[in-house]
Amino acid sequence: MKVLLVNGSPHKNGCTNRALEEVARSLEAEGIEAELFWIGAKPVGGCVACQACRSTGTCVFNDSVNQARAKLAEADGFVFGAPVHYAHAASSLLGFMDRLFYADGKGGTQSNLRFKPAAAVLSARRAGTTAAFEDINKFFTIAQMPIVSSRYWNNVHGNSAEEVEQDAEGLWTMRQLGRNMAWMLKCIEAGRAAGIALPAQEPSEMTNFVR
């Protein structure tokens, strides 16, 4: 089993990465492969709703989104991490997730995301993490992805990776998150081995309220 951990910070080896590393160590201690994926330092724009991905399977903007999408099928779980900017998750990660989830069908029948556990991880100098936590979790709930929790909200505090080392509670939360993710993956695997099928899918219904 494998978990893809996405670093949505413009700093490859900053606070967000340090938090994700702690999750990865717990996963590996439980026998789960962990791969860290950095979206890069360049700004990542959001979806423009051109719907080209519906026919091509890839986003028309060929950047880290398509690189990550190529990894979705081989992953059994996901962790998306970001720093907090103005009390929301970094806009590059949100743009990245907009396009990644849209190109993957938002959890539809052909999705490589649906029914795979996911978790959000946030880093901040001081505040705004709980609001940013909601930003990321909403992607999971529209894509039929079980959300993995820890024993506190999944955040660390510090202005550098070295300062995050001093956040004992934050790193403790990351370790428990890794163990909880491993447990959920093993439960899903046990269910699959026991013949428990995925939930049936109805054709989608789309309505709006402007008449």
N, C-alpha and C. Protein backbone atom coordinates (compact mmCIF):
# COMPACT_ATOMS: atom_id res chain seq x y z
N MET A 1 0.83 -1.19 0.00
CA MET A 1 0.00 0.00 0.00
C MET A 1 0.87 1.25 0.00
N LYS A 2 0.32 2.33 -0.56
CA LYS A 2 1.11 3.53 -0.75
C LYS A 2 0.28 4.78 -0.50
N VAL A 3 0.89 5.78 0.11
CA VAL A 3 0.26 7.08 0.33
C VAL A 3 1.09 8.15 -0.38
N LEU A 4 0.40 9.00 -1.13
CA LEU A 4 1.04 10.14 -1.78
C LEU A 4 0.82 11.37 -0.92
N LEU A 5 1.91 12.01 -0.49
CA LEU A 5 1.84 13.20 0.35
C LEU A 5 2.25 14.40 -0.49
N VAL A 6 1.31 15.33 -0.69
CA VAL A 6 1.52 16.47 -1.58
C VAL A 6 1.92 17.70 -0.77
N ASN A 7 3.09 18.22 -1.09
CA ASN A 7 3.59 19.43 -0.44
C ASN A 7 3.19 20.63 -1.27
N GLY A 8 2.21 21.40 -0.79
CA GLY A 8 1.70 22.54 -1.51
C GLY A 8 2.35 23.86 -1.14
N SER A 9 3.52 23.80 -0.53
CA SER A 9 4.24 25.02 -0.16
C SER A 9 5.22 25.41 -1.26
N PRO A 10 5.45 26.71 -1.46
CA PRO A 10 6.49 27.12 -2.42
C PRO A 10 7.90 26.81 -1.93
N HIS A 11 8.02 26.47 -0.64
CA HIS A 11 9.31 26.12 -0.06
C HIS A 11 9.40 24.60 0.08
N LYS A 12 10.27 24.00 -0.70
CA LYS A 12 10.34 22.53 -0.75
C LYS A 12 10.66 21.91 0.60
N ASN A 13 11.53 22.55 1.37
CA ASN A 13 11.99 21.96 2.63
C ASN A 13 11.61 22.81 3.83
N GLY A 14 10.43 23.43 3.77
CA GLY A 14 9.97 24.29 4.84
C GLY A 14 9.12 23.58 5.87
N CYS A 15 8.26 24.36 6.51
CA CYS A 15 7.43 23.85 7.62
C CYS A 15 6.47 22.76 7.17
N THR A 16 5.82 22.96 6.03
CA THR A 16 4.84 21.97 5.55
C THR A 16 5.52 20.65 5.28
N ASN A 17 6.68 20.71 4.64
CA ASN A 17 7.42 19.49 4.35
C ASN A 17 7.81 18.76 5.63
N ARG A 18 8.21 19.53 6.65
CA ARG A 18 8.60 18.89 7.91
C ARG A 18 7.42 18.15 8.53
N ALA A 19 6.24 18.73 8.45
CA ALA A 19 5.04 18.05 8.97
C ALA A 19 4.76 16.77 8.18
N LEU A 20 4.84 16.87 6.85
CA LEU A 20 4.57 15.71 6.01
C LEU A 20 5.59 14.61 6.24
N GLU A 21 6.84 14.99 6.47
CA GLU A 21 7.87 13.99 6.76
C GLU A 21 7.51 13.18 8.00
N GLU A 22 6.95 13.86 9.00
CA GLU A 22 6.59 13.16 10.25
C GLU A 22 5.46 12.15 9.99
N VAL A 23 4.49 12.55 9.16
CA VAL A 23 3.42 11.62 8.78
C VAL A 23 4.01 10.44 8.02
N ALA A 24 4.91 10.73 7.09
CA ALA A 24 5.51 9.68 6.26
C ALA A 24 6.27 8.66 7.11
N ARG A 25 6.97 9.14 8.13
CA ARG A 25 7.72 8.22 9.00
C ARG A 25 6.79 7.26 9.73
N SER A 26 5.66 7.77 10.19
CA SER A 26 4.70 6.89 10.87
C SER A 26 4.11 5.88 9.91
N LEU A 27 3.81 6.32 8.69
CA LEU A 27 3.29 5.39 7.69
C LEU A 27 4.28 4.28 7.40
N GLU A 28 5.53 4.64 7.20
CA GLU A 28 6.54 3.64 6.87
C GLU A 28 6.77 2.69 8.03
N ALA A 29 6.66 3.19 9.27
CA ALA A 29 6.78 2.32 10.43
C ALA A 29 5.67 1.29 10.49
N GLU A 30 4.53 1.60 9.84
CA GLU A 30 3.39 0.68 9.78
C GLU A 30 3.40 -0.16 8.51
N GLY A 31 4.48 -0.09 7.74
CA GLY A 31 4.60 -0.90 6.54
C GLY A 31 3.93 -0.31 5.31
N ILE A 32 3.62 0.99 5.36
CA ILE A 32 2.97 1.67 4.23
C ILE A 32 4.02 2.52 3.50
N GLU A 33 4.11 2.37 2.19
CA GLU A 33 5.03 3.19 1.41
C GLU A 33 4.54 4.64 1.38
N ALA A 34 5.45 5.59 1.50
CA ALA A 34 5.10 7.01 1.49
C ALA A 34 5.94 7.73 0.44
N GLU A 35 5.28 8.49 -0.42
CA GLU A 35 5.99 9.28 -1.43
C GLU A 35 5.61 10.74 -1.26
N LEU A 36 6.62 11.61 -1.12
CA LEU A 36 6.37 13.05 -1.04
C LEU A 36 6.46 13.66 -2.43
N PHE A 37 5.48 14.50 -2.75
CA PHE A 37 5.41 15.14 -4.06
C PHE A 37 5.29 16.64 -3.85
N TRP A 38 6.23 17.40 -4.39
CA TRP A 38 6.24 18.87 -4.24
C TRP A 38 5.65 19.49 -5.49
N ILE A 39 4.68 20.40 -5.35
CA ILE A 39 4.04 21.01 -6.52
C ILE A 39 4.91 22.09 -7.16
N GLY A 40 5.99 22.48 -6.50
CA GLY A 40 6.92 23.44 -7.07
C GLY A 40 6.74 24.85 -6.54
N ALA A 41 7.66 25.73 -6.94
CA ALA A 41 7.65 27.10 -6.45
C ALA A 41 6.91 28.06 -7.36
N LYS A 42 6.61 27.64 -8.59
CA LYS A 42 5.89 28.53 -9.50
C LYS A 42 4.41 28.60 -9.11
N PRO A 43 3.76 29.75 -9.31
CA PRO A 43 2.32 29.84 -9.02
C PRO A 43 1.53 28.82 -9.84
N VAL A 44 0.55 28.21 -9.21
CA VAL A 44 -0.30 27.23 -9.89
C VAL A 44 -1.71 27.81 -9.97
N GLY A 45 -2.19 28.04 -11.19
CA GLY A 45 -3.52 28.60 -11.36
C GLY A 45 -4.62 27.56 -11.21
N GLY A 46 -5.83 28.05 -11.02
CA GLY A 46 -6.98 27.16 -10.85
C GLY A 46 -7.59 26.71 -12.16
N CYS A 47 -8.67 25.96 -12.06
CA CYS A 47 -9.36 25.42 -13.23
C CYS A 47 -10.07 26.54 -14.00
N VAL A 48 -10.01 26.48 -15.34
CA VAL A 48 -10.71 27.46 -16.17
C VAL A 48 -11.97 26.87 -16.80
N ALA A 49 -12.35 25.66 -16.36
CA ALA A 49 -13.59 25.01 -16.80
C ALA A 49 -13.68 24.86 -18.32
N CYS A 50 -12.55 24.58 -18.96
CA CYS A 50 -12.58 24.35 -20.41
C CYS A 50 -13.08 22.95 -20.74
N GLN A 51 -13.03 22.03 -19.75
CA GLN A 51 -13.52 20.66 -19.86
C GLN A 51 -12.74 19.81 -20.86
N ALA A 52 -11.57 20.28 -21.29
CA ALA A 52 -10.75 19.47 -22.18
C ALA A 52 -10.30 18.17 -21.52
N CYS A 53 -10.14 18.21 -20.20
CA CYS A 53 -9.70 16.99 -19.50
C CYS A 53 -10.71 15.86 -19.61
N ARG A 54 -11.97 16.20 -19.89
CA ARG A 54 -12.99 15.16 -20.03
C ARG A 54 -12.69 14.22 -21.20
N SER A 55 -12.05 14.76 -22.23
CA SER A 55 -11.73 13.92 -23.39
C SER A 55 -10.27 13.47 -23.42
N THR A 56 -9.37 14.28 -22.86
CA THR A 56 -7.95 13.94 -22.92
C THR A 56 -7.45 13.21 -21.69
N GLY A 57 -8.14 13.40 -20.55
CA GLY A 57 -7.68 12.79 -19.31
C GLY A 57 -6.58 13.56 -18.62
N THR A 58 -6.14 14.66 -19.22
CA THR A 58 -5.11 15.50 -18.61
C THR A 58 -5.54 16.95 -18.70
N CYS A 59 -4.93 17.78 -17.84
CA CYS A 59 -5.23 19.21 -17.87
C CYS A 59 -4.49 19.86 -19.03
N VAL A 60 -5.11 20.87 -19.65
CA VAL A 60 -4.47 21.56 -20.77
C VAL A 60 -3.24 22.34 -20.32
N PHE A 61 -3.17 22.70 -19.04
CA PHE A 61 -1.98 23.36 -18.51
C PHE A 61 -1.04 22.27 -17.98
N ASN A 62 0.00 22.01 -18.73
CA ASN A 62 0.85 20.86 -18.44
C ASN A 62 1.92 21.21 -17.41
N ASP A 63 1.57 21.05 -16.15
CA ASP A 63 2.50 21.36 -15.07
C ASP A 63 2.43 20.27 -14.01
N SER A 64 2.63 20.64 -12.76
CA SER A 64 2.67 19.65 -11.68
C SER A 64 1.34 18.92 -11.49
N VAL A 65 0.24 19.49 -11.95
CA VAL A 65 -1.06 18.82 -11.84
C VAL A 65 -1.05 17.51 -12.63
N ASN A 66 -0.59 17.56 -13.87
CA ASN A 66 -0.53 16.34 -14.67
C ASN A 66 0.51 15.36 -14.14
N GLN A 67 1.59 15.88 -13.59
CA GLN A 67 2.59 15.00 -12.99
C GLN A 67 1.99 14.23 -11.81
N ALA A 68 1.21 14.93 -11.00
CA ALA A 68 0.57 14.26 -9.86
C ALA A 68 -0.52 13.31 -10.32
N ARG A 69 -1.29 13.71 -11.32
CA ARG A 69 -2.39 12.88 -11.78
C ARG A 69 -1.89 11.52 -12.26
N ALA A 70 -0.69 11.50 -12.83
CA ALA A 70 -0.13 10.23 -13.29
C ALA A 70 0.18 9.28 -12.12
N LYS A 71 0.21 9.81 -10.90
CA LYS A 71 0.52 9.01 -9.73
C LYS A 71 -0.71 8.56 -8.96
N LEU A 72 -1.89 9.05 -9.32
CA LEU A 72 -3.09 8.79 -8.52
C LEU A 72 -3.47 7.32 -8.47
N ALA A 73 -3.38 6.65 -9.60
CA ALA A 73 -3.85 5.26 -9.66
C ALA A 73 -3.05 4.35 -8.75
N GLU A 74 -1.78 4.63 -8.58
CA GLU A 74 -0.93 3.74 -7.79
C GLU A 74 -0.98 4.06 -6.30
N ALA A 75 -1.63 5.14 -5.92
CA ALA A 75 -1.73 5.52 -4.51
C ALA A 75 -3.02 5.01 -3.90
N ASP A 76 -2.94 4.60 -2.64
CA ASP A 76 -4.11 4.10 -1.91
C ASP A 76 -4.68 5.14 -0.94
N GLY A 77 -3.90 6.18 -0.68
CA GLY A 77 -4.34 7.24 0.22
C GLY A 77 -3.55 8.50 -0.08
N PHE A 78 -4.02 9.64 0.44
CA PHE A 78 -3.42 10.92 0.12
C PHE A 78 -3.37 11.84 1.34
N VAL A 79 -2.32 12.65 1.39
CA VAL A 79 -2.23 13.73 2.36
C VAL A 79 -1.86 14.99 1.57
N PHE A 80 -2.65 16.04 1.74
CA PHE A 80 -2.37 17.32 1.08
C PHE A 80 -1.98 18.34 2.14
N GLY A 81 -0.78 18.90 2.00
CA GLY A 81 -0.30 19.84 2.98
C GLY A 81 -0.05 21.21 2.38
N ALA A 82 -0.25 22.25 3.19
CA ALA A 82 -0.05 23.62 2.71
C ALA A 82 0.26 24.55 3.87
N PRO A 83 0.99 25.63 3.58
CA PRO A 83 1.09 26.71 4.57
C PRO A 83 -0.18 27.54 4.56
N VAL A 84 -0.36 28.34 5.60
CA VAL A 84 -1.54 29.18 5.72
C VAL A 84 -1.18 30.60 5.30
N HIS A 85 -1.95 31.14 4.34
CA HIS A 85 -1.80 32.53 3.89
C HIS A 85 -3.13 33.25 4.08
N TYR A 86 -3.15 34.29 4.88
CA TYR A 86 -4.39 35.05 5.13
C TYR A 86 -5.54 34.14 5.58
N ALA A 87 -5.23 33.21 6.48
CA ALA A 87 -6.22 32.30 7.08
C ALA A 87 -6.86 31.36 6.08
N HIS A 88 -6.20 31.11 4.96
CA HIS A 88 -6.65 30.05 4.04
C HIS A 88 -5.44 29.29 3.55
N ALA A 89 -5.68 28.09 3.03
CA ALA A 89 -4.57 27.30 2.50
C ALA A 89 -3.94 28.03 1.32
N ALA A 90 -2.64 27.87 1.16
CA ALA A 90 -1.90 28.56 0.10
C ALA A 90 -2.62 28.41 -1.23
N SER A 91 -2.76 29.52 -1.96
CA SER A 91 -3.57 29.52 -3.18
C SER A 91 -3.04 28.60 -4.25
N SER A 92 -1.72 28.38 -4.29
CA SER A 92 -1.17 27.47 -5.29
C SER A 92 -1.67 26.04 -5.05
N LEU A 93 -1.77 25.63 -3.78
CA LEU A 93 -2.29 24.28 -3.54
C LEU A 93 -3.77 24.22 -3.89
N LEU A 94 -4.54 25.25 -3.57
CA LEU A 94 -5.96 25.22 -3.89
C LEU A 94 -6.18 25.20 -5.40
N GLY A 95 -5.39 25.96 -6.15
CA GLY A 95 -5.48 25.91 -7.61
C GLY A 95 -5.09 24.54 -8.13
N PHE A 96 -4.04 23.99 -7.56
CA PHE A 96 -3.59 22.63 -7.91
C PHE A 96 -4.70 21.62 -7.68
N MET A 97 -5.34 21.69 -6.51
CA MET A 97 -6.40 20.73 -6.18
C MET A 97 -7.64 20.95 -7.04
N ASP A 98 -7.98 22.22 -7.33
CA ASP A 98 -9.11 22.50 -8.23
C ASP A 98 -8.96 21.71 -9.53
N ARG A 99 -7.81 21.82 -10.13
CA ARG A 99 -7.59 21.19 -11.43
C ARG A 99 -7.39 19.69 -11.32
N LEU A 100 -6.70 19.24 -10.28
CA LEU A 100 -6.48 17.81 -10.10
C LEU A 100 -7.79 17.07 -9.89
N PHE A 101 -8.63 17.60 -9.02
CA PHE A 101 -9.90 16.94 -8.71
C PHE A 101 -10.87 17.04 -9.88
N TYR A 102 -10.86 18.17 -10.58
CA TYR A 102 -11.75 18.30 -11.73
C TYR A 102 -11.34 17.34 -12.83
N ALA A 103 -10.03 17.26 -13.12
CA ALA A 103 -9.55 16.35 -14.16
C ALA A 103 -9.81 14.90 -13.81
N ASP A 104 -9.87 14.61 -12.51
CA ASP A 104 -10.11 13.23 -12.09
C ASP A 104 -11.59 12.91 -11.98
N GLY A 105 -12.45 13.83 -12.30
CA GLY A 105 -13.87 13.55 -12.28
C GLY A 105 -14.56 13.79 -10.96
N LYS A 106 -13.89 14.49 -10.04
CA LYS A 106 -14.49 14.84 -8.74
C LYS A 106 -15.07 13.63 -8.02
N GLY A 107 -14.40 12.51 -8.12
CA GLY A 107 -14.85 11.34 -7.38
C GLY A 107 -15.90 10.51 -8.10
N GLY A 108 -16.08 10.73 -9.40
CA GLY A 108 -17.05 9.97 -10.17
C GLY A 108 -16.61 8.54 -10.44
N THR A 109 -17.34 7.85 -11.29
CA THR A 109 -17.13 6.41 -11.47
C THR A 109 -15.77 6.07 -12.08
N GLN A 110 -15.14 7.00 -12.79
CA GLN A 110 -13.83 6.73 -13.38
C GLN A 110 -12.69 7.32 -12.56
N SER A 111 -12.98 7.75 -11.37
CA SER A 111 -12.01 8.47 -10.56
C SER A 111 -10.94 7.57 -9.97
N ASN A 112 -9.73 8.10 -9.85
CA ASN A 112 -8.65 7.44 -9.13
C ASN A 112 -8.52 7.98 -7.71
N LEU A 113 -9.48 8.82 -7.30
CA LEU A 113 -9.48 9.39 -5.95
C LEU A 113 -10.58 8.79 -5.08
N ARG A 114 -11.71 8.47 -5.64
CA ARG A 114 -12.88 8.10 -4.83
C ARG A 114 -12.61 6.87 -3.96
N PHE A 115 -13.12 6.95 -2.75
CA PHE A 115 -13.04 5.92 -1.72
C PHE A 115 -11.62 5.69 -1.21
N LYS A 116 -10.68 6.57 -1.56
CA LYS A 116 -9.33 6.48 -1.02
C LYS A 116 -9.20 7.49 0.13
N PRO A 117 -8.72 7.07 1.29
CA PRO A 117 -8.63 7.97 2.44
C PRO A 117 -7.72 9.16 2.16
N ALA A 118 -8.05 10.29 2.76
CA ALA A 118 -7.27 11.51 2.55
C ALA A 118 -7.24 12.33 3.83
N ALA A 119 -6.22 13.16 3.93
CA ALA A 119 -6.07 14.04 5.10
C ALA A 119 -5.46 15.35 4.67
N ALA A 120 -5.79 16.40 5.41
CA ALA A 120 -5.21 17.72 5.21
C ALA A 120 -4.22 18.00 6.32
N VAL A 121 -3.12 18.68 5.96
CA VAL A 121 -2.12 19.11 6.94
C VAL A 121 -1.81 20.57 6.67
N LEU A 122 -1.81 21.40 7.72
CA LEU A 122 -1.54 22.83 7.58
C LEU A 122 -0.40 23.26 8.48
N SER A 123 0.34 24.25 8.01
CA SER A 123 1.38 24.85 8.84
C SER A 123 1.18 26.36 8.87
N ALA A 124 1.41 26.95 10.03
CA ALA A 124 1.26 28.40 10.18
C ALA A 124 2.23 28.90 11.23
N ARG A 125 2.58 30.16 11.10
CA ARG A 125 3.41 30.77 12.14
C ARG A 125 2.62 30.88 13.43
N ARG A 126 1.32 31.25 13.30
CA ARG A 126 0.55 31.51 14.52
C ARG A 126 -0.90 31.05 14.42
N ALA A 127 -1.65 31.51 13.41
CA ALA A 127 -3.10 31.25 13.40
C ALA A 127 -3.60 31.05 11.98
N GLY A 128 -4.89 30.68 11.87
CA GLY A 128 -5.54 30.50 10.59
C GLY A 128 -5.62 29.07 10.11
N THR A 129 -5.06 28.15 10.89
CA THR A 129 -5.01 26.77 10.42
C THR A 129 -6.37 26.10 10.35
N THR A 130 -7.25 26.39 11.30
CA THR A 130 -8.53 25.68 11.30
C THR A 130 -9.41 26.11 10.13
N ALA A 131 -9.34 27.39 9.74
CA ALA A 131 -10.08 27.83 8.57
C ALA A 131 -9.50 27.20 7.31
N ALA A 132 -8.18 27.13 7.23
CA ALA A 132 -7.53 26.53 6.07
C ALA A 132 -7.79 25.03 6.01
N PHE A 133 -7.92 24.40 7.16
CA PHE A 133 -8.24 22.97 7.25
C PHE A 133 -9.53 22.67 6.49
N GLU A 134 -10.52 23.55 6.65
CA GLU A 134 -11.80 23.36 5.95
C GLU A 134 -11.64 23.50 4.44
N ASP A 135 -10.76 24.41 4.00
CA ASP A 135 -10.53 24.58 2.56
C ASP A 135 -10.23 23.25 1.88
N ILE A 136 -9.31 22.51 2.48
CA ILE A 136 -8.84 21.28 1.86
C ILE A 136 -9.83 20.13 2.05
N ASN A 137 -10.42 20.04 3.23
CA ASN A 137 -11.34 18.92 3.49
C ASN A 137 -12.54 18.92 2.55
N LYS A 138 -12.95 20.08 2.07
CA LYS A 138 -14.11 20.13 1.17
C LYS A 138 -13.85 19.40 -0.14
N PHE A 139 -12.61 19.37 -0.58
CA PHE A 139 -12.28 18.60 -1.79
C PHE A 139 -12.57 17.11 -1.57
N PHE A 140 -12.26 16.63 -0.38
CA PHE A 140 -12.44 15.20 -0.10
C PHE A 140 -13.92 14.81 -0.05
N THR A 141 -14.72 15.68 0.54
CA THR A 141 -16.12 15.30 0.73
C THR A 141 -16.91 15.29 -0.57
N ILE A 142 -16.47 16.06 -1.59
CA ILE A 142 -17.17 16.03 -2.87
C ILE A 142 -16.66 14.88 -3.75
N ALA A 143 -15.54 14.29 -3.35
CA ALA A 143 -14.91 13.24 -4.16
C ALA A 143 -15.06 11.85 -3.54
N GLN A 144 -15.95 11.70 -2.55
CA GLN A 144 -16.22 10.41 -1.91
C GLN A 144 -14.97 9.81 -1.27
N MET A 145 -14.17 10.66 -0.64
CA MET A 145 -12.94 10.21 -0.01
C MET A 145 -13.09 10.24 1.51
N PRO A 146 -12.91 9.13 2.20
CA PRO A 146 -12.96 9.13 3.66
C PRO A 146 -11.87 10.05 4.23
N ILE A 147 -12.23 10.87 5.20
CA ILE A 147 -11.28 11.79 5.80
C ILE A 147 -10.63 11.15 7.02
N VAL A 148 -9.31 11.20 7.06
CA VAL A 148 -8.55 10.65 8.18
C VAL A 148 -8.25 11.77 9.17
N SER A 149 -8.54 11.52 10.41
CA SER A 149 -8.31 12.52 11.46
C SER A 149 -7.16 12.07 12.36
N SER A 150 -6.79 12.96 13.28
CA SER A 150 -5.78 12.63 14.28
C SER A 150 -6.40 12.89 15.66
N ARG A 151 -5.58 13.23 16.64
CA ARG A 151 -6.10 13.50 17.97
C ARG A 151 -6.16 15.00 18.26
N TYR A 152 -5.88 15.78 17.24
CA TYR A 152 -6.05 17.24 17.26
C TYR A 152 -6.15 17.65 15.81
N TRP A 153 -6.47 18.91 15.52
CA TRP A 153 -6.48 19.33 14.13
C TRP A 153 -5.08 19.18 13.56
N ASN A 154 -5.01 18.80 12.29
CA ASN A 154 -3.73 18.42 11.68
C ASN A 154 -2.92 19.66 11.31
N ASN A 155 -2.30 20.28 12.30
CA ASN A 155 -1.49 21.45 11.99
C ASN A 155 -0.24 21.50 12.84
N VAL A 156 0.75 22.20 12.30
CA VAL A 156 1.98 22.48 13.04
C VAL A 156 2.21 23.99 13.03
N HIS A 157 3.01 24.45 13.98
CA HIS A 157 3.30 25.88 14.08
C HIS A 157 4.80 26.12 14.06
N GLY A 158 5.16 27.22 13.40
CA GLY A 158 6.56 27.61 13.33
C GLY A 158 6.79 28.48 12.11
N ASN A 159 7.88 29.21 12.12
CA ASN A 159 8.21 30.08 10.99
C ASN A 159 9.32 29.48 10.14
N SER A 160 9.78 28.30 10.51
CA SER A 160 10.80 27.58 9.76
C SER A 160 10.70 26.11 10.15
N ALA A 161 11.33 25.27 9.35
CA ALA A 161 11.32 23.84 9.67
C ALA A 161 11.96 23.58 11.03
N GLU A 162 12.96 24.39 11.36
CA GLU A 162 13.64 24.24 12.65
C GLU A 162 12.70 24.60 13.80
N GLU A 163 11.87 25.61 13.60
CA GLU A 163 10.91 25.97 14.65
C GLU A 163 9.82 24.91 14.79
N VAL A 164 9.44 24.28 13.70
CA VAL A 164 8.44 23.20 13.78
C VAL A 164 8.95 22.08 14.67
N GLU A 165 10.27 21.87 14.68
CA GLU A 165 10.86 20.84 15.55
C GLU A 165 10.51 21.09 17.02
N GLN A 166 10.25 22.35 17.36
CA GLN A 166 9.92 22.69 18.75
C GLN A 166 8.44 22.48 19.06
N ASP A 167 7.63 22.27 18.03
CA ASP A 167 6.19 22.08 18.22
C ASP A 167 5.92 20.60 18.51
N ALA A 168 6.17 20.21 19.74
CA ALA A 168 6.06 18.81 20.12
C ALA A 168 4.64 18.27 19.90
N GLU A 169 3.64 19.09 20.22
CA GLU A 169 2.26 18.62 20.05
C GLU A 169 1.91 18.49 18.57
N GLY A 170 2.39 19.42 17.75
CA GLY A 170 2.12 19.34 16.33
C GLY A 170 2.71 18.09 15.71
N LEU A 171 3.95 17.77 16.05
CA LEU A 171 4.59 16.57 15.50
C LEU A 171 3.94 15.30 16.05
N TRP A 172 3.52 15.35 17.29
CA TRP A 172 2.76 14.22 17.88
C TRP A 172 1.47 13.99 17.09
N THR A 173 0.79 15.09 16.72
CA THR A 173 -0.43 15.00 15.93
C THR A 173 -0.15 14.38 14.56
N MET A 174 0.97 14.75 13.95
CA MET A 174 1.34 14.19 12.65
C MET A 174 1.62 12.70 12.74
N ARG A 175 2.29 12.27 13.79
CA ARG A 175 2.58 10.84 13.95
C ARG A 175 1.30 10.03 14.12
N GLN A 176 0.37 10.56 14.91
CA GLN A 176 -0.90 9.85 15.08
C GLN A 176 -1.69 9.83 13.78
N LEU A 177 -1.61 10.91 13.01
CA LEU A 177 -2.29 10.94 11.72
C LEU A 177 -1.75 9.84 10.82
N GLY A 178 -0.44 9.65 10.78
CA GLY A 178 0.13 8.59 9.98
C GLY A 178 -0.34 7.21 10.42
N ARG A 179 -0.39 6.99 11.72
CA ARG A 179 -0.87 5.70 12.22
C ARG A 179 -2.34 5.49 11.90
N ASN A 180 -3.14 6.55 12.02
CA ASN A 180 -4.57 6.42 11.71
C ASN A 180 -4.80 6.15 10.23
N MET A 181 -4.01 6.80 9.38
CA MET A 181 -4.10 6.55 7.94
C MET A 181 -3.75 5.09 7.64
N ALA A 182 -2.67 4.59 8.25
CA ALA A 182 -2.27 3.21 8.04
C ALA A 182 -3.37 2.24 8.48
N TRP A 183 -3.98 2.53 9.62
CA TRP A 183 -5.06 1.67 10.13
C TRP A 183 -6.24 1.64 9.16
N MET A 184 -6.63 2.82 8.64
CA MET A 184 -7.76 2.86 7.73
C MET A 184 -7.46 2.11 6.43
N LEU A 185 -6.25 2.27 5.93
CA LEU A 185 -5.88 1.56 4.71
C LEU A 185 -5.92 0.05 4.91
N LYS A 186 -5.45 -0.40 6.06
CA LYS A 186 -5.47 -1.84 6.34
C LYS A 186 -6.90 -2.35 6.52
N CYS A 187 -7.78 -1.54 7.11
CA CYS A 187 -9.18 -1.93 7.23
C CYS A 187 -9.84 -2.04 5.86
N ILE A 188 -9.56 -1.10 4.98
CA ILE A 188 -10.12 -1.14 3.63
C ILE A 188 -9.62 -2.37 2.88
N GLU A 189 -8.33 -2.67 3.04
CA GLU A 189 -7.76 -3.85 2.39
C GLU A 189 -8.39 -5.13 2.93
N ALA A 190 -8.63 -5.18 4.24
CA ALA A 190 -9.27 -6.36 4.84
C ALA A 190 -10.70 -6.52 4.32
N GLY A 191 -11.41 -5.39 4.18
CA GLY A 191 -12.76 -5.45 3.64
C GLY A 191 -12.78 -5.94 2.21
N ARG A 192 -11.82 -5.46 1.42
CA ARG A 192 -11.73 -5.91 0.03
C ARG A 192 -11.47 -7.41 -0.03
N ALA A 193 -10.57 -7.89 0.83
CA ALA A 193 -10.25 -9.32 0.85
C ALA A 193 -11.45 -10.16 1.29
N ALA A 194 -12.33 -9.55 2.10
CA ALA A 194 -13.52 -10.26 2.58
C ALA A 194 -14.67 -10.18 1.58
N GLY A 195 -14.46 -9.53 0.45
CA GLY A 195 -15.48 -9.47 -0.58
C GLY A 195 -16.48 -8.34 -0.44
N ILE A 196 -16.16 -7.34 0.39
CA ILE A 196 -17.06 -6.21 0.54
C ILE A 196 -16.87 -5.27 -0.65
N ALA A 197 -17.94 -5.08 -1.40
CA ALA A 197 -17.87 -4.27 -2.62
C ALA A 197 -17.96 -2.78 -2.29
N LEU A 198 -17.50 -1.96 -3.23
CA LEU A 198 -17.66 -0.53 -3.09
C LEU A 198 -19.14 -0.15 -3.21
N PRO A 199 -19.55 0.97 -2.64
CA PRO A 199 -20.96 1.38 -2.74
C PRO A 199 -21.40 1.53 -4.20
N ALA A 200 -22.63 1.15 -4.47
CA ALA A 200 -23.18 1.33 -5.81
C ALA A 200 -23.26 2.81 -6.14
N GLN A 201 -23.10 3.13 -7.42
CA GLN A 201 -23.10 4.52 -7.87
C GLN A 201 -24.32 4.78 -8.77
N GLU A 202 -25.11 5.77 -8.41
CA GLU A 202 -26.21 6.19 -9.28
C GLU A 202 -25.70 7.19 -10.30
N PRO A 203 -26.34 7.26 -11.47
CA PRO A 203 -26.01 8.35 -12.40
C PRO A 203 -26.22 9.69 -11.71
N SER A 204 -25.33 10.65 -11.98
CA SER A 204 -25.41 11.93 -11.27
C SER A 204 -26.61 12.75 -11.72
N GLU A 205 -27.11 13.56 -10.80
CA GLU A 205 -28.18 14.50 -11.07
C GLU A 205 -27.65 15.90 -10.78
N MET A 206 -27.75 16.80 -11.73
CA MET A 206 -27.26 18.16 -11.52
C MET A 206 -28.41 19.14 -11.71
N THR A 207 -28.64 19.93 -10.68
CA THR A 207 -29.70 20.93 -10.75
C THR A 207 -29.16 22.27 -10.28
N ASN A 208 -29.80 23.33 -10.73
CA ASN A 208 -29.53 24.64 -10.15
C ASN A 208 -30.86 25.29 -9.80
N PHE A 209 -30.83 26.42 -9.17
CA PHE A 209 -32.06 27.00 -8.64
C PHE A 209 -32.35 28.35 -9.29
N VAL A 210 -31.81 28.56 -10.47
CA VAL A 210 -32.15 29.74 -11.25
C VAL A 210 -33.10 29.30 -12.35
N ARG A 211 -34.33 29.81 -12.34
CA ARG A 211 -35.35 29.38 -13.31
C ARG A 211 -35.80 30.55 -14.16
